[in-house]
Amino acid sequence: MADLRQLRRELPFFAGDLPAFDPADRPGEPPGWTLHTVRAESVEFRQGDRDRKHTRPAYRRAAGHWTKELLWT
């Protein structure tokens, strides 16, 4: 546990040392490589339960904000 606490203390230090991501600097890409971005409008999860009372939360984007609803409980 002491190692985990130490890592959490040091993580912001190491993260601050990372260079900013530059999309133009992608070494080693094969010719014809294409980057795709997916912008989800909705996401659904299925959460299992030992008693088979599964929960299906869904998140939907509307006007730039996410809302949560339960499809099945």
C-alpha atoms as a PDB file:
ATOM      1  CA  MET A   1       0.000   0.000   0.000  1.00  0.00           C
ATOM      2  CA  ALA A   2       2.878   2.376   0.682  1.00  0.00           C
ATOM      3  CA  ASP A   3       4.050   2.007  -2.943  1.00  0.00           C
ATOM      4  CA  LEU A   4       0.600   2.948  -4.224  1.00  0.00           C
ATOM      5  CA  ARG A   5       0.489   6.048  -2.030  1.00  0.00           C
ATOM      6  CA  GLN A   6       3.934   7.076  -3.240  1.00  0.00           C
ATOM      7  CA  LEU A   7       2.917   6.567  -6.865  1.00  0.00           C
ATOM      8  CA  ARG A   8      -0.171   8.756  -6.370  1.00  0.00           C
ATOM      9  CA  ARG A   9       2.006  11.499  -4.891  1.00  0.00           C
ATOM     10  CA  GLU A  10       4.483  11.322  -7.787  1.00  0.00           C
ATOM     11  CA  LEU A  11       1.987  10.914 -10.624  1.00  0.00           C
ATOM     12  CA  PRO A  12       1.119  14.623 -11.028  1.00  0.00           C
ATOM     13  CA  PHE A  13       4.849  15.367 -11.132  1.00  0.00           C
ATOM     14  CA  PHE A  14       5.457  12.873 -13.933  1.00  0.00           C
ATOM     15  CA  ALA A  15       2.312  13.858 -15.831  1.00  0.00           C
ATOM     16  CA  GLY A  16       3.458  17.482 -15.781  1.00  0.00           C
ATOM     17  CA  ASP A  17       6.673  16.448 -17.514  1.00  0.00           C
ATOM     18  CA  LEU A  18       4.853  14.979 -20.517  1.00  0.00           C
ATOM     19  CA  PRO A  19       5.077  16.967 -23.724  1.00  0.00           C
ATOM     20  CA  ALA A  20       1.862  18.317 -25.203  1.00  0.00           C
ATOM     21  CA  PHE A  21       0.327  16.046 -27.824  1.00  0.00           C
ATOM     22  CA  ASP A  22       0.880  17.271 -31.359  1.00  0.00           C
ATOM     23  CA  PRO A  23      -1.375  15.506 -33.889  1.00  0.00           C
ATOM     24  CA  ALA A  24       1.095  16.352 -36.673  1.00  0.00           C
ATOM     25  CA  ASP A  25       3.863  14.426 -34.897  1.00  0.00           C
ATOM     26  CA  ARG A  26       2.914  10.760 -35.271  1.00  0.00           C
ATOM     27  CA  PRO A  27       6.111   8.883 -36.089  1.00  0.00           C
ATOM     28  CA  GLY A  28       5.992   5.383 -37.483  1.00  0.00           C
ATOM     29  CA  GLU A  29       2.600   5.588 -39.166  1.00  0.00           C
ATOM     30  CA  PRO A  30       2.227   3.382 -42.189  1.00  0.00           C
ATOM     31  CA  PRO A  31       1.478   5.081 -45.528  1.00  0.00           C
ATOM     32  CA  GLY A  32      -2.233   5.686 -45.992  1.00  0.00           C
ATOM     33  CA  TRP A  33      -2.912   5.602 -42.234  1.00  0.00           C
ATOM     34  CA  THR A  34      -6.071   7.473 -41.242  1.00  0.00           C
ATOM     35  CA  LEU A  35      -7.153   8.690 -37.820  1.00  0.00           C
ATOM     36  CA  HIS A  36     -10.866   8.448 -37.071  1.00  0.00           C
ATOM     37  CA  THR A  37     -12.706  10.099 -34.193  1.00  0.00           C
ATOM     38  CA  VAL A  38     -15.979   8.771 -32.842  1.00  0.00           C
ATOM     39  CA  ARG A  39     -18.384  11.196 -31.197  1.00  0.00           C
ATOM     40  CA  ALA A  40     -21.013   9.189 -29.382  1.00  0.00           C
ATOM     41  CA  GLU A  41     -24.530  10.518 -29.020  1.00  0.00           C
ATOM     42  CA  SER A  42     -25.524   7.663 -26.690  1.00  0.00           C
ATOM     43  CA  VAL A  43     -23.808   4.895 -24.736  1.00  0.00           C
ATOM     44  CA  GLU A  44     -25.425   1.895 -23.077  1.00  0.00           C
ATOM     45  CA  PHE A  45     -23.902  -0.415 -20.471  1.00  0.00           C
ATOM     46  CA  ARG A  46     -25.017  -3.750 -19.103  1.00  0.00           C
ATOM     47  CA  GLN A  47     -24.160  -4.364 -15.455  1.00  0.00           C
ATOM     48  CA  GLY A  48     -24.594  -7.948 -14.315  1.00  0.00           C
ATOM     49  CA  ASP A  49     -25.775  -8.962 -10.861  1.00  0.00           C
ATOM     50  CA  ARG A  50     -25.361 -12.251  -9.008  1.00  0.00           C
ATOM     51  CA  ASP A  51     -29.116 -12.349  -8.426  1.00  0.00           C
ATOM     52  CA  ARG A  52     -29.688 -11.804 -12.178  1.00  0.00           C
ATOM     53  CA  LYS A  53     -31.169  -8.370 -11.519  1.00  0.00           C
ATOM     54  CA  HIS A  54     -29.178  -6.734 -14.275  1.00  0.00           C
ATOM     55  CA  THR A  55     -29.027  -2.975 -14.644  1.00  0.00           C
ATOM     56  CA  ARG A  56     -28.816  -1.231 -18.002  1.00  0.00           C
ATOM     57  CA  PRO A  57     -27.798   2.402 -17.585  1.00  0.00           C
ATOM     58  CA  ALA A  58     -27.794   4.530 -20.720  1.00  0.00           C
ATOM     59  CA  TYR A  59     -26.218   7.926 -21.227  1.00  0.00           C
ATOM     60  CA  ARG A  60     -27.485  10.278 -23.923  1.00  0.00           C
ATOM     61  CA  ARG A  61     -26.011  13.543 -25.135  1.00  0.00           C
ATOM     62  CA  ALA A  62     -28.395  16.450 -25.637  1.00  0.00           C
ATOM     63  CA  ALA A  63     -27.300  20.051 -26.153  1.00  0.00           C
ATOM     64  CA  GLY A  64     -23.735  19.209 -25.127  1.00  0.00           C
ATOM     65  CA  HIS A  65     -24.712  17.594 -21.800  1.00  0.00           C
ATOM     66  CA  TRP A  66     -25.044  13.936 -20.828  1.00  0.00           C
ATOM     67  CA  THR A  67     -28.148  12.568 -19.161  1.00  0.00           C
ATOM     68  CA  LYS A  68     -28.478   9.184 -17.504  1.00  0.00           C
ATOM     69  CA  GLU A  69     -31.460   6.873 -17.663  1.00  0.00           C
ATOM     70  CA  LEU A  70     -32.105   3.272 -16.669  1.00  0.00           C
ATOM     71  CA  LEU A  71     -33.402   1.055 -19.458  1.00  0.00           C
ATOM     72  CA  TRP A  72     -33.956  -2.001 -17.297  1.00  0.00           C
ATOM     73  CA  THR A  73     -33.450  -2.851 -13.641  1.00  0.00           C
END
